[in-house]
C-alpha atoms as a PDB file:
ATOM      1  CA  UNK A   1      -5.290 -18.771 -17.059  1.00  0.00           C
ATOM      2  CA  UNK A   2      -3.561 -18.300 -13.743  1.00  0.00           C
ATOM      3  CA  UNK A   3      -5.150 -20.187 -10.874  1.00  0.00           C
ATOM      4  CA  UNK A   4      -4.730 -18.836  -7.375  1.00  0.00           C
ATOM      5  CA  UNK A   5      -6.251 -21.786  -5.649  1.00  0.00           C
ATOM      6  CA  UNK A   6      -8.007 -22.133  -2.329  1.00  0.00           C
ATOM      7  CA  UNK A   7      -5.826 -24.584  -0.354  1.00  0.00           C
ATOM      8  CA  UNK A   8      -7.147 -28.110  -0.878  1.00  0.00           C
ATOM      9  CA  UNK A   9      -6.986 -28.950   2.803  1.00  0.00           C
ATOM     10  CA  UNK A  10      -9.170 -25.979   3.593  1.00  0.00           C
ATOM     11  CA  UNK A  11     -11.885 -27.209   1.262  1.00  0.00           C
ATOM     12  CA  UNK A  12     -12.079 -30.498   3.142  1.00  0.00           C
ATOM     13  CA  UNK A  13     -12.873 -28.836   6.453  1.00  0.00           C
ATOM     14  CA  UNK A  14     -16.563 -28.686   7.333  1.00  0.00           C
ATOM     15  CA  UNK A  15     -18.526 -26.812   9.950  1.00  0.00           C
ATOM     16  CA  UNK A  16     -20.553 -28.812  12.437  1.00  0.00           C
ATOM     17  CA  UNK A  17     -24.181 -29.545  11.686  1.00  0.00           C
ATOM     18  CA  UNK A  18     -25.869 -30.929   8.596  1.00  0.00           C
ATOM     19  CA  UNK A  19     -27.433 -27.583   7.690  1.00  0.00           C
ATOM     20  CA  UNK A  20     -24.459 -25.389   8.561  1.00  0.00           C
ATOM     21  CA  UNK A  21     -22.295 -23.875   5.895  1.00  0.00           C
ATOM     22  CA  UNK A  22     -19.033 -25.671   5.327  1.00  0.00           C
ATOM     23  CA  UNK A  23     -15.668 -23.947   5.160  1.00  0.00           C
ATOM     24  CA  UNK A  24     -15.852 -24.602   1.446  1.00  0.00           C
ATOM     25  CA  UNK A  25     -19.129 -22.658   1.272  1.00  0.00           C
ATOM     26  CA  UNK A  26     -17.644 -19.727   3.171  1.00  0.00           C
ATOM     27  CA  UNK A  27     -14.504 -19.812   1.030  1.00  0.00           C
ATOM     28  CA  UNK A  28     -16.544 -19.651  -2.171  1.00  0.00           C
ATOM     29  CA  UNK A  29     -18.476 -16.669  -0.841  1.00  0.00           C
ATOM     30  CA  UNK A  30     -15.256 -14.863   0.059  1.00  0.00           C
ATOM     31  CA  UNK A  31     -13.827 -15.532  -3.406  1.00  0.00           C
ATOM     32  CA  UNK A  32     -16.958 -14.120  -5.042  1.00  0.00           C
ATOM     33  CA  UNK A  33     -16.915 -11.100  -2.765  1.00  0.00           C
ATOM     34  CA  UNK A  34     -13.247 -10.419  -3.324  1.00  0.00           C
ATOM     35  CA  UNK A  35     -13.567 -10.695  -7.088  1.00  0.00           C
ATOM     36  CA  UNK A  36     -16.239  -8.009  -7.254  1.00  0.00           C
ATOM     37  CA  UNK A  37     -15.250  -6.021  -4.161  1.00  0.00           C
ATOM     38  CA  UNK A  38     -11.702  -5.256  -5.232  1.00  0.00           C
ATOM     39  CA  UNK A  39     -12.497  -4.787  -8.914  1.00  0.00           C
ATOM     40  CA  UNK A  40     -13.709  -1.201  -8.436  1.00  0.00           C
ATOM     41  CA  UNK A  41     -10.527  -0.068  -6.695  1.00  0.00           C
ATOM     42  CA  UNK A  42      -8.334  -1.890  -9.222  1.00  0.00           C
ATOM     43  CA  UNK A  43     -10.123  -0.212 -12.126  1.00  0.00           C
ATOM     44  CA  UNK A  44      -9.809   3.151 -10.368  1.00  0.00           C
ATOM     45  CA  UNK A  45      -6.073   2.535 -10.034  1.00  0.00           C
ATOM     46  CA  UNK A  46      -5.735   1.616 -13.714  1.00  0.00           C
ATOM     47  CA  UNK A  47      -7.926   4.529 -14.831  1.00  0.00           C
ATOM     48  CA  UNK A  48      -5.849   6.959 -12.759  1.00  0.00           C
ATOM     49  CA  UNK A  49      -2.662   5.649 -14.355  1.00  0.00           C
ATOM     50  CA  UNK A  50      -4.136   6.089 -17.845  1.00  0.00           C
ATOM     51  CA  UNK A  51      -5.303   9.626 -17.023  1.00  0.00           C
ATOM     52  CA  UNK A  52      -1.857  10.535 -15.740  1.00  0.00           C
ATOM     53  CA  UNK A  53      -0.196   9.226 -18.871  1.00  0.00           C
ATOM     54  CA  UNK A  54      -2.662  11.039 -21.119  1.00  0.00           C
ATOM     55  CA  UNK A  55      -2.052  14.326 -19.277  1.00  0.00           C
ATOM     56  CA  UNK A  56       1.762  14.088 -19.450  1.00  0.00           C
ATOM     57  CA  UNK A  57       2.985  16.979 -21.625  1.00  0.00           C
ATOM     58  CA  UNK A  58       5.548  16.565 -24.405  1.00  0.00           C
ATOM     59  CA  UNK A  59       6.327  20.184 -25.331  1.00  0.00           C
ATOM     60  CA  UNK A  60       8.163  20.754 -28.577  1.00  0.00           C
ATOM     61  CA  UNK A  61      11.807  21.595 -28.029  1.00  0.00           C
ATOM     62  CA  UNK A  62      11.764  21.655 -24.245  1.00  0.00           C
ATOM     63  CA  UNK A  63      11.080  19.699 -21.062  1.00  0.00           C
ATOM     64  CA  UNK A  64       8.498  20.488 -18.412  1.00  0.00           C
ATOM     65  CA  UNK A  65       8.115  24.003 -17.106  1.00  0.00           C
ATOM     66  CA  UNK A  66       6.353  24.604 -13.779  1.00  0.00           C
ATOM     67  CA  UNK A  67       4.546  27.670 -15.144  1.00  0.00           C
ATOM     68  CA  UNK A  68       3.866  26.763 -18.767  1.00  0.00           C
ATOM     69  CA  UNK A  69       2.788  23.221 -17.910  1.00  0.00           C
ATOM     70  CA  UNK A  70       1.062  24.013 -14.613  1.00  0.00           C
ATOM     71  CA  UNK A  71      -2.347  22.699 -15.712  1.00  0.00           C
ATOM     72  CA  UNK A  72      -0.900  19.424 -17.011  1.00  0.00           C
ATOM     73  CA  UNK A  73       1.189  18.911 -13.865  1.00  0.00           C
ATOM     74  CA  UNK A  74      -1.846  19.555 -11.653  1.00  0.00           C
ATOM     75  CA  UNK A  75      -3.888  17.034 -13.688  1.00  0.00           C
ATOM     76  CA  UNK A  76      -1.117  14.444 -13.371  1.00  0.00           C
ATOM     77  CA  UNK A  77      -0.962  14.916  -9.601  1.00  0.00           C
ATOM     78  CA  UNK A  78      -4.731  14.437  -9.311  1.00  0.00           C
ATOM     79  CA  UNK A  79      -4.495  11.270 -11.400  1.00  0.00           C
ATOM     80  CA  UNK A  80      -1.532  10.016  -9.354  1.00  0.00           C
ATOM     81  CA  UNK A  81      -3.521  10.379  -6.150  1.00  0.00           C
ATOM     82  CA  UNK A  82      -6.361   8.359  -7.707  1.00  0.00           C
ATOM     83  CA  UNK A  83      -3.912   5.642  -8.779  1.00  0.00           C
ATOM     84  CA  UNK A  84      -2.273   5.570  -5.357  1.00  0.00           C
ATOM     85  CA  UNK A  85      -5.538   5.408  -3.427  1.00  0.00           C
ATOM     86  CA  UNK A  86      -6.849   2.543  -5.552  1.00  0.00           C
ATOM     87  CA  UNK A  87      -3.731   0.512  -4.930  1.00  0.00           C
ATOM     88  CA  UNK A  88      -3.463   1.237  -1.207  1.00  0.00           C
ATOM     89  CA  UNK A  89      -7.044   0.051  -0.651  1.00  0.00           C
ATOM     90  CA  UNK A  90      -6.215  -3.324  -2.246  1.00  0.00           C
ATOM     91  CA  UNK A  91      -2.582  -3.702  -1.172  1.00  0.00           C
ATOM     92  CA  UNK A  92      -3.144  -5.953   1.833  1.00  0.00           C
ATOM     93  CA  UNK A  93      -4.919  -8.685  -0.109  1.00  0.00           C
ATOM     94  CA  UNK A  94      -3.018  -8.419  -3.392  1.00  0.00           C
ATOM     95  CA  UNK A  95       0.639  -7.832  -2.502  1.00  0.00           C
ATOM     96  CA  UNK A  96       1.284 -11.385  -1.249  1.00  0.00           C
ATOM     97  CA  UNK A  97      -0.529 -12.915  -4.245  1.00  0.00           C
ATOM     98  CA  UNK A  98       1.221 -10.779  -6.896  1.00  0.00           C
ATOM     99  CA  UNK A  99       4.640  -9.982  -5.338  1.00  0.00           C
ATOM    100  CA  UNK A 100       6.397  -9.188  -8.628  1.00  0.00           C
ATOM    101  CA  UNK A 101       3.831  -6.614  -9.726  1.00  0.00           C
ATOM    102  CA  UNK A 102       3.691  -5.263  -6.179  1.00  0.00           C
ATOM    103  CA  UNK A 103       7.427  -4.549  -6.286  1.00  0.00           C
ATOM    104  CA  UNK A 104       7.329  -3.071  -9.781  1.00  0.00           C
ATOM    105  CA  UNK A 105       4.462  -0.720  -9.004  1.00  0.00           C
ATOM    106  CA  UNK A 106       4.911   0.065  -5.288  1.00  0.00           C
ATOM    107  CA  UNK A 107       8.560  -0.331  -4.236  1.00  0.00           C
ATOM    108  CA  UNK A 108      10.352   2.721  -2.858  1.00  0.00           C
ATOM    109  CA  UNK A 109      13.316   4.404  -4.499  1.00  0.00           C
ATOM    110  CA  UNK A 110      15.722   2.971  -1.917  1.00  0.00           C
ATOM    111  CA  UNK A 111      14.338  -0.547  -2.474  1.00  0.00           C
ATOM    112  CA  UNK A 112      15.154  -0.305  -6.182  1.00  0.00           C
ATOM    113  CA  UNK A 113      18.621   1.114  -5.513  1.00  0.00           C
ATOM    114  CA  UNK A 114      19.366  -1.816  -3.219  1.00  0.00           C
ATOM    115  CA  UNK A 115      18.749  -4.090  -6.209  1.00  0.00           C
ATOM    116  CA  UNK A 116      20.427  -1.875  -8.824  1.00  0.00           C
ATOM    117  CA  UNK A 117      23.561  -1.173  -6.825  1.00  0.00           C
ATOM    118  CA  UNK A 118      25.931   1.769  -7.196  1.00  0.00           C
ATOM    119  CA  UNK A 119      25.035   2.246 -10.856  1.00  0.00           C
ATOM    120  CA  UNK A 120      21.543   3.286  -9.836  1.00  0.00           C
ATOM    121  CA  UNK A 121      19.142   4.406 -12.545  1.00  0.00           C
ATOM    122  CA  UNK A 122      20.671   7.155 -14.678  1.00  0.00           C
ATOM    123  CA  UNK A 123      17.652   7.182 -17.040  1.00  0.00           C
ATOM    124  CA  UNK A 124      14.720   7.795 -14.690  1.00  0.00           C
ATOM    125  CA  UNK A 125      12.135   8.429 -17.416  1.00  0.00           C
ATOM    126  CA  UNK A 126      12.440   5.297 -19.555  1.00  0.00           C
ATOM    127  CA  UNK A 127      10.382   2.764 -17.563  1.00  0.00           C
ATOM    128  CA  UNK A 128      13.381   0.553 -16.744  1.00  0.00           C
ATOM    129  CA  UNK A 129      15.288   0.294 -13.475  1.00  0.00           C
ATOM    130  CA  UNK A 130      13.297   2.346 -10.961  1.00  0.00           C
ATOM    131  CA  UNK A 131       9.593   2.032 -11.838  1.00  0.00           C
ATOM    132  CA  UNK A 132       6.133   2.394 -10.372  1.00  0.00           C
ATOM    133  CA  UNK A 133       4.033   4.910  -8.511  1.00  0.00           C
ATOM    134  CA  UNK A 134       6.843   6.318  -6.385  1.00  0.00           C
ATOM    135  CA  UNK A 135       9.145   6.729  -9.378  1.00  0.00           C
ATOM    136  CA  UNK A 136       6.410   8.796 -11.043  1.00  0.00           C
ATOM    137  CA  UNK A 137       5.689  10.646  -7.793  1.00  0.00           C
ATOM    138  CA  UNK A 138       9.382  11.501  -7.413  1.00  0.00           C
ATOM    139  CA  UNK A 139       9.310  13.270 -10.780  1.00  0.00           C
ATOM    140  CA  UNK A 140       5.906  14.948 -10.439  1.00  0.00           C
ATOM    141  CA  UNK A 141       6.763  16.447  -7.058  1.00  0.00           C
ATOM    142  CA  UNK A 142      10.484  17.036  -7.711  1.00  0.00           C
ATOM    143  CA  UNK A 143      10.433  20.793  -6.942  1.00  0.00           C
ATOM    144  CA  UNK A 144       8.529  20.174  -3.679  1.00  0.00           C
ATOM    145  CA  UNK A 145      10.505  17.306  -2.146  1.00  0.00           C
ATOM    146  CA  UNK A 146      11.278  18.183   1.494  1.00  0.00           C
ATOM    147  CA  UNK A 147      14.978  18.779   2.272  1.00  0.00           C
ATOM    148  CA  UNK A 148      15.055  15.996   4.882  1.00  0.00           C
ATOM    149  CA  UNK A 149      13.957  13.493   2.218  1.00  0.00           C
ATOM    150  CA  UNK A 150      16.744  14.648  -0.116  1.00  0.00           C
ATOM    151  CA  UNK A 151      19.248  14.384   2.745  1.00  0.00           C
ATOM    152  CA  UNK A 152      18.162  10.778   3.362  1.00  0.00           C
ATOM    153  CA  UNK A 153      18.283   9.718  -0.287  1.00  0.00           C
ATOM    154  CA  UNK A 154      21.483  11.405  -1.440  1.00  0.00           C
ATOM    155  CA  UNK A 155      23.680   9.134   0.698  1.00  0.00           C
ATOM    156  CA  UNK A 156      22.243   5.971  -0.909  1.00  0.00           C
ATOM    157  CA  UNK A 157      24.620   4.391  -3.462  1.00  0.00           C
ATOM    158  CA  UNK A 158      23.261   4.996  -6.958  1.00  0.00           C
ATOM    159  CA  UNK A 159      21.314   8.141  -6.016  1.00  0.00           C
ATOM    160  CA  UNK A 160      20.362  10.649  -8.705  1.00  0.00           C
ATOM    161  CA  UNK A 161      18.587  13.890  -7.865  1.00  0.00           C
ATOM    162  CA  UNK A 162      14.902  14.031  -8.760  1.00  0.00           C
ATOM    163  CA  UNK A 163      13.943  16.453 -11.520  1.00  0.00           C
ATOM    164  CA  UNK A 164      11.320  17.275 -14.122  1.00  0.00           C
ATOM    165  CA  UNK A 165      12.088  16.036 -17.656  1.00  0.00           C
ATOM    166  CA  UNK A 166      14.794  18.437 -18.831  1.00  0.00           C
ATOM    167  CA  UNK A 167      14.172  18.251 -22.574  1.00  0.00           C
ATOM    168  CA  UNK A 168      11.706  17.028 -25.178  1.00  0.00           C
ATOM    169  CA  UNK A 169      13.332  13.578 -25.261  1.00  0.00           C
ATOM    170  CA  UNK A 170      12.971  13.198 -21.477  1.00  0.00           C
ATOM    171  CA  UNK A 171       9.326  14.320 -21.571  1.00  0.00           C
ATOM    172  CA  UNK A 172       8.566  11.825 -24.330  1.00  0.00           C
ATOM    173  CA  UNK A 173      10.398   9.072 -22.454  1.00  0.00           C
ATOM    174  CA  UNK A 174       8.363   9.812 -19.321  1.00  0.00           C
ATOM    175  CA  UNK A 175       5.081   9.511 -21.228  1.00  0.00           C
ATOM    176  CA  UNK A 176       5.959   6.466 -23.333  1.00  0.00           C
ATOM    177  CA  UNK A 177       8.333   4.798 -20.865  1.00  0.00           C
ATOM    178  CA  UNK A 178       7.901   5.245 -17.120  1.00  0.00           C
ATOM    179  CA  UNK A 179       4.260   6.326 -17.264  1.00  0.00           C
ATOM    180  CA  UNK A 180       3.313   3.659 -19.797  1.00  0.00           C
ATOM    181  CA  UNK A 181       5.014   1.031 -17.609  1.00  0.00           C
ATOM    182  CA  UNK A 182       2.868   2.079 -14.647  1.00  0.00           C
ATOM    183  CA  UNK A 183      -0.269   1.779 -16.809  1.00  0.00           C
ATOM    184  CA  UNK A 184       0.829  -1.671 -17.979  1.00  0.00           C
ATOM    185  CA  UNK A 185       1.489  -2.881 -14.417  1.00  0.00           C
ATOM    186  CA  UNK A 186      -1.818  -1.477 -13.144  1.00  0.00           C
ATOM    187  CA  UNK A 187      -3.824  -3.047 -15.944  1.00  0.00           C
ATOM    188  CA  UNK A 188      -1.962  -6.348 -15.611  1.00  0.00           C
ATOM    189  CA  UNK A 189      -2.783  -6.499 -11.908  1.00  0.00           C
ATOM    190  CA  UNK A 190      -6.432  -5.695 -12.589  1.00  0.00           C
ATOM    191  CA  UNK A 191      -6.683  -8.239 -15.408  1.00  0.00           C
ATOM    192  CA  UNK A 192      -4.879 -11.060 -13.606  1.00  0.00           C
ATOM    193  CA  UNK A 193      -7.140 -10.572 -10.603  1.00  0.00           C
ATOM    194  CA  UNK A 194     -10.255 -10.690 -12.770  1.00  0.00           C
ATOM    195  CA  UNK A 195      -9.082 -13.700 -14.802  1.00  0.00           C
ATOM    196  CA  UNK A 196      -8.043 -15.949 -11.914  1.00  0.00           C
ATOM    197  CA  UNK A 197     -10.515 -18.753 -11.200  1.00  0.00           C
ATOM    198  CA  UNK A 198      -9.672 -18.866  -7.509  1.00  0.00           C
ATOM    199  CA  UNK A 199      -7.599 -17.043  -4.904  1.00  0.00           C
ATOM    200  CA  UNK A 200      -5.248 -18.196  -2.176  1.00  0.00           C
ATOM    201  CA  UNK A 201      -7.430 -16.953   0.644  1.00  0.00           C
ATOM    202  CA  UNK A 202      -4.846 -17.862   3.250  1.00  0.00           C
ATOM    203  CA  UNK A 203      -2.287 -15.605   1.560  1.00  0.00           C
ATOM    204  CA  UNK A 204      -4.855 -12.840   1.156  1.00  0.00           C
ATOM    205  CA  UNK A 205      -5.815 -12.934   4.837  1.00  0.00           C
ATOM    206  CA  UNK A 206      -2.165 -13.082   5.893  1.00  0.00           C
ATOM    207  CA  UNK A 207      -1.680 -10.029   3.695  1.00  0.00           C
ATOM    208  CA  UNK A 208      -4.243  -8.146   5.769  1.00  0.00           C
ATOM    209  CA  UNK A 209      -2.449  -9.148   8.954  1.00  0.00           C
ATOM    210  CA  UNK A 210       0.877  -8.121   7.462  1.00  0.00           C
ATOM    211  CA  UNK A 211      -0.482  -4.764   6.361  1.00  0.00           C
ATOM    212  CA  UNK A 212      -1.828  -4.034   9.840  1.00  0.00           C
ATOM    213  CA  UNK A 213       1.482  -5.129  11.333  1.00  0.00           C
ATOM    214  CA  UNK A 214       3.291  -2.825   8.898  1.00  0.00           C
ATOM    215  CA  UNK A 215       1.369   0.234  10.047  1.00  0.00           C
ATOM    216  CA  UNK A 216       3.942   0.732  12.804  1.00  0.00           C
ATOM    217  CA  UNK A 217       6.790   0.258  10.300  1.00  0.00           C
ATOM    218  CA  UNK A 218       5.275   2.862   7.983  1.00  0.00           C
ATOM    219  CA  UNK A 219       5.100   5.331  10.858  1.00  0.00           C
ATOM    220  CA  UNK A 220       8.591   4.392  12.084  1.00  0.00           C
ATOM    221  CA  UNK A 221      10.067   5.049   8.644  1.00  0.00           C
ATOM    222  CA  UNK A 222       8.708   8.580   8.710  1.00  0.00           C
ATOM    223  CA  UNK A 223      11.199   9.301  11.507  1.00  0.00           C
ATOM    224  CA  UNK A 224      14.076   8.570   9.109  1.00  0.00           C
ATOM    225  CA  UNK A 225      12.470  10.093   5.963  1.00  0.00           C
ATOM    226  CA  UNK A 226      11.946   6.605   4.512  1.00  0.00           C
ATOM    227  CA  UNK A 227       8.152   6.689   4.432  1.00  0.00           C
ATOM    228  CA  UNK A 228       6.294   5.643   1.313  1.00  0.00           C
ATOM    229  CA  UNK A 229       4.701   8.695  -0.324  1.00  0.00           C
ATOM    230  CA  UNK A 230       7.450  10.977   0.910  1.00  0.00           C
ATOM    231  CA  UNK A 231       7.729  13.222  -2.158  1.00  0.00           C
ATOM    232  CA  UNK A 232       4.064  14.223  -2.180  1.00  0.00           C
ATOM    233  CA  UNK A 233       3.895  14.056   1.634  1.00  0.00           C
ATOM    234  CA  UNK A 234       0.793  11.837   1.448  1.00  0.00           C
ATOM    235  CA  UNK A 235       1.829   8.877   3.628  1.00  0.00           C
ATOM    236  CA  UNK A 236      -0.923   9.623   6.149  1.00  0.00           C
ATOM    237  CA  UNK A 237      -3.419   9.279   3.299  1.00  0.00           C
ATOM    238  CA  UNK A 238      -1.788   5.939   2.457  1.00  0.00           C
ATOM    239  CA  UNK A 239      -2.378   4.725   6.008  1.00  0.00           C
ATOM    240  CA  UNK A 240      -6.035   5.756   5.876  1.00  0.00           C
ATOM    241  CA  UNK A 241      -6.513   3.991   2.532  1.00  0.00           C
ATOM    242  CA  UNK A 242      -4.774   0.875   3.885  1.00  0.00           C
ATOM    243  CA  UNK A 243      -7.206   0.823   6.782  1.00  0.00           C
ATOM    244  CA  UNK A 244     -10.288   1.397   4.607  1.00  0.00           C
ATOM    245  CA  UNK A 245      -9.234  -1.409   2.270  1.00  0.00           C
ATOM    246  CA  UNK A 246      -8.485  -3.763   5.154  1.00  0.00           C
ATOM    247  CA  UNK A 247     -11.923  -3.151   6.650  1.00  0.00           C
ATOM    248  CA  UNK A 248     -13.524  -3.911   3.295  1.00  0.00           C
ATOM    249  CA  UNK A 249     -11.702  -7.202   2.780  1.00  0.00           C
ATOM    250  CA  UNK A 250     -12.078  -8.259   6.420  1.00  0.00           C
ATOM    251  CA  UNK A 251     -15.861  -7.838   6.111  1.00  0.00           C
ATOM    252  CA  UNK A 252     -15.842 -10.592   3.461  1.00  0.00           C
ATOM    253  CA  UNK A 253     -14.273 -13.036   5.930  1.00  0.00           C
ATOM    254  CA  UNK A 254     -16.430 -11.868   8.848  1.00  0.00           C
ATOM    255  CA  UNK A 255     -19.366 -14.337   8.450  1.00  0.00           C
ATOM    256  CA  UNK A 256     -16.882 -17.204   8.325  1.00  0.00           C
ATOM    257  CA  UNK A 257     -15.166 -16.025  11.526  1.00  0.00           C
ATOM    258  CA  UNK A 258     -18.478 -15.471  13.321  1.00  0.00           C
ATOM    259  CA  UNK A 259     -19.541 -19.034  12.515  1.00  0.00           C
ATOM    260  CA  UNK A 260     -16.629 -20.419  14.531  1.00  0.00           C
ATOM    261  CA  UNK A 261     -16.558 -21.098  18.280  1.00  0.00           C
ATOM    262  CA  UNK A 262     -15.082 -18.011  19.874  1.00  0.00           C
ATOM    263  CA  UNK A 263     -15.367 -16.094  16.635  1.00  0.00           C
ATOM    264  CA  UNK A 264     -17.716 -13.422  17.992  1.00  0.00           C
ATOM    265  CA  UNK A 265     -15.215 -12.314  20.637  1.00  0.00           C
ATOM    266  CA  UNK A 266     -12.365 -12.288  18.138  1.00  0.00           C
ATOM    267  CA  UNK A 267     -14.459 -10.302  15.655  1.00  0.00           C
ATOM    268  CA  UNK A 268     -15.449  -7.745  18.279  1.00  0.00           C
ATOM    269  CA  UNK A 269     -11.799  -7.086  19.101  1.00  0.00           C
ATOM    270  CA  UNK A 270     -10.834  -6.825  15.427  1.00  0.00           C
ATOM    271  CA  UNK A 271     -13.546  -4.241  14.822  1.00  0.00           C
ATOM    272  CA  UNK A 272     -12.502  -2.366  17.965  1.00  0.00           C
ATOM    273  CA  UNK A 273      -8.927  -2.347  16.667  1.00  0.00           C
ATOM    274  CA  UNK A 274     -10.044  -0.942  13.327  1.00  0.00           C
ATOM    275  CA  UNK A 275     -12.014   1.757  15.172  1.00  0.00           C
ATOM    276  CA  UNK A 276      -8.974   2.567  17.317  1.00  0.00           C
ATOM    277  CA  UNK A 277      -6.789   3.099  14.253  1.00  0.00           C
ATOM    278  CA  UNK A 278      -9.573   5.022  12.521  1.00  0.00           C
ATOM    279  CA  UNK A 279      -9.811   7.451  15.434  1.00  0.00           C
ATOM    280  CA  UNK A 280      -6.032   7.755  15.613  1.00  0.00           C
ATOM    281  CA  UNK A 281      -5.688   8.527  11.906  1.00  0.00           C
ATOM    282  CA  UNK A 282      -8.664  10.852  12.006  1.00  0.00           C
ATOM    283  CA  UNK A 283      -7.007  12.908  14.741  1.00  0.00           C
ATOM    284  CA  UNK A 284      -4.213  13.833  12.316  1.00  0.00           C
ATOM    285  CA  UNK A 285      -5.177  16.611   9.923  1.00  0.00           C
ATOM    286  CA  UNK A 286      -3.953  16.553   6.363  1.00  0.00           C
ATOM    287  CA  UNK A 287      -2.431  13.892   4.129  1.00  0.00           C
ATOM    288  CA  UNK A 288       1.055  13.956   5.654  1.00  0.00           C
ATOM    289  CA  UNK A 289       2.480  12.302   8.767  1.00  0.00           C
ATOM    290  CA  UNK A 290       3.402  14.875  11.421  1.00  0.00           C
ATOM    291  CA  UNK A 291       7.102  15.749  11.342  1.00  0.00           C
ATOM    292  CA  UNK A 292       8.985  13.885  14.108  1.00  0.00           C
ATOM    293  CA  UNK A 293      10.820  16.032  16.666  1.00  0.00           C
ATOM    294  CA  UNK A 294      14.480  16.615  15.878  1.00  0.00           C
ATOM    295  CA  UNK A 295      15.403  14.657  19.019  1.00  0.00           C
ATOM    296  CA  UNK A 296      13.244  11.645  18.115  1.00  0.00           C
ATOM    297  CA  UNK A 297      14.587   8.149  18.828  1.00  0.00           C
ATOM    298  CA  UNK A 298      12.471   5.140  17.831  1.00  0.00           C
ATOM    299  CA  UNK A 299      14.479   2.958  20.215  1.00  0.00           C
ATOM    300  CA  UNK A 300      14.035   5.194  23.237  1.00  0.00           C
ATOM    301  CA  UNK A 301      11.724   8.174  22.648  1.00  0.00           C
ATOM    302  CA  UNK A 302      11.628  10.705  25.450  1.00  0.00           C
ATOM    303  CA  UNK A 303       8.363  11.530  27.255  1.00  0.00           C
ATOM    304  CA  UNK A 304       8.429  14.992  25.666  1.00  0.00           C
ATOM    305  CA  UNK A 305       8.817  13.529  22.172  1.00  0.00           C
ATOM    306  CA  UNK A 306       6.034  11.016  22.808  1.00  0.00           C
ATOM    307  CA  UNK A 307       3.786  13.963  23.704  1.00  0.00           C
ATOM    308  CA  UNK A 308       4.307  15.482  20.226  1.00  0.00           C
ATOM    309  CA  UNK A 309       1.796  14.897  17.430  1.00  0.00           C
ATOM    310  CA  UNK A 310       4.156  12.368  15.854  1.00  0.00           C
ATOM    311  CA  UNK A 311       4.787  10.706  19.207  1.00  0.00           C
ATOM    312  CA  UNK A 312       1.065  10.274  19.830  1.00  0.00           C
ATOM    313  CA  UNK A 313       0.605   8.689  16.419  1.00  0.00           C
ATOM    314  CA  UNK A 314       3.644   6.447  16.921  1.00  0.00           C
ATOM    315  CA  UNK A 315       2.519   5.251  20.365  1.00  0.00           C
ATOM    316  CA  UNK A 316      -1.078   4.714  19.318  1.00  0.00           C
ATOM    317  CA  UNK A 317      -0.188   2.656  16.244  1.00  0.00           C
ATOM    318  CA  UNK A 318       2.318   0.510  18.160  1.00  0.00           C
ATOM    319  CA  UNK A 319      -0.258  -0.257  20.838  1.00  0.00           C
ATOM    320  CA  UNK A 320      -3.029  -1.012  18.345  1.00  0.00           C
ATOM    321  CA  UNK A 321      -1.056  -3.453  16.203  1.00  0.00           C
ATOM    322  CA  UNK A 322       1.454  -4.997  18.637  1.00  0.00           C
ATOM    323  CA  UNK A 323       1.247  -8.747  17.846  1.00  0.00           C
ATOM    324  CA  UNK A 324       2.518  -9.577  21.327  1.00  0.00           C
ATOM    325  CA  UNK A 325      -0.250  -7.677  23.093  1.00  0.00           C
ATOM    326  CA  UNK A 326      -3.293  -9.833  23.786  1.00  0.00           C
ATOM    327  CA  UNK A 327      -6.333  -8.287  22.141  1.00  0.00           C
ATOM    328  CA  UNK A 328      -4.434  -6.115  19.664  1.00  0.00           C
ATOM    329  CA  UNK A 329      -5.740  -6.068  16.117  1.00  0.00           C
ATOM    330  CA  UNK A 330      -2.836  -8.184  14.833  1.00  0.00           C
ATOM    331  CA  UNK A 331      -3.177 -10.660  17.710  1.00  0.00           C
ATOM    332  CA  UNK A 332      -6.896 -11.040  17.019  1.00  0.00           C
ATOM    333  CA  UNK A 333      -6.471 -11.282  13.250  1.00  0.00           C
ATOM    334  CA  UNK A 334      -3.981 -14.081  13.871  1.00  0.00           C
ATOM    335  CA  UNK A 335      -6.599 -15.836  15.983  1.00  0.00           C
ATOM    336  CA  UNK A 336      -9.161 -15.347  13.234  1.00  0.00           C
ATOM    337  CA  UNK A 337      -6.739 -16.912  10.743  1.00  0.00           C
ATOM    338  CA  UNK A 338      -6.403 -19.983  12.942  1.00  0.00           C
ATOM    339  CA  UNK A 339     -10.187 -20.272  13.306  1.00  0.00           C
ATOM    340  CA  UNK A 340     -10.530 -20.390   9.508  1.00  0.00           C
ATOM    341  CA  UNK A 341      -7.774 -22.978   9.142  1.00  0.00           C
ATOM    342  CA  UNK A 342      -5.011 -20.591   8.064  1.00  0.00           C
ATOM    343  CA  UNK A 343      -1.649 -20.298   9.766  1.00  0.00           C
ATOM    344  CA  UNK A 344      -0.956 -17.383  12.102  1.00  0.00           C
ATOM    345  CA  UNK A 345       1.804 -15.030  10.997  1.00  0.00           C
ATOM    346  CA  UNK A 346       5.180 -15.158  12.685  1.00  0.00           C
ATOM    347  CA  UNK A 347       6.634 -11.904  14.032  1.00  0.00           C
END
């Protein structure tokens, strides 16, 4: 059984006062809360993956057809969204604890091609090479991929154009290969989380900080068509799910933080930061990030470009998570980490 242990030094720290809870007490409560609190989202992720695989058509003598298989494709897209949402709500805490599964199930196409080299993945349906949610997404949404995303990807060494399964063999490979691999990864993540007899809480909390810090990167990448859910145009939904999951996990650590000297002020700023991002994300309609202006420059955006819908989102996220700005959500989460005996992240 894999043990993801609470750091031993942490368990030796004690809060002041004979009747006060010790850090060990708080840590145990967080472990219990995380075990049950993340289980629902992990099962939703695994269930979505199974539903997608079950709905995948394997027509006799042909591949997928947008008209003949419309109902099956729609069902797969619905299941993909369920899988994606479940993962994004747990990503912050789990990615640093399970990095191998995180890569297999959540890496982008360009991340895989960096590893695979110029040979790329010439068999996109078999569950080897490029895998995970975005590999499945790239196939499901192949006819709808925006031109700017294709323009970005086609210059990457190893690129192959996205497409539906072209024949019966491809359709079968998708169902029994790529799709089955996603189910296996999702269920493995769920099962390893449930079976562990402890968690590295320091890594989990640093994961939350990292995920908040990455919000600006996720928005930045949209300017170069590198965003995560770029085929389905659902990266804005990813950001909202990231935030909802981070709030949920942070709430488990909250009593521990509040018990520390200065913890109330830190907590108030963290919650204000969450609210700031919530309002910012809520101001954007739809599941997609607004399209950046054609003249956009992340290094030196013009005042006119900053006034665009994308510019407002970009500026707001940068301000909210800037680790070098006193009082930002990342700055305050770093302070919370120190209060609990964890190390602050390094920018």
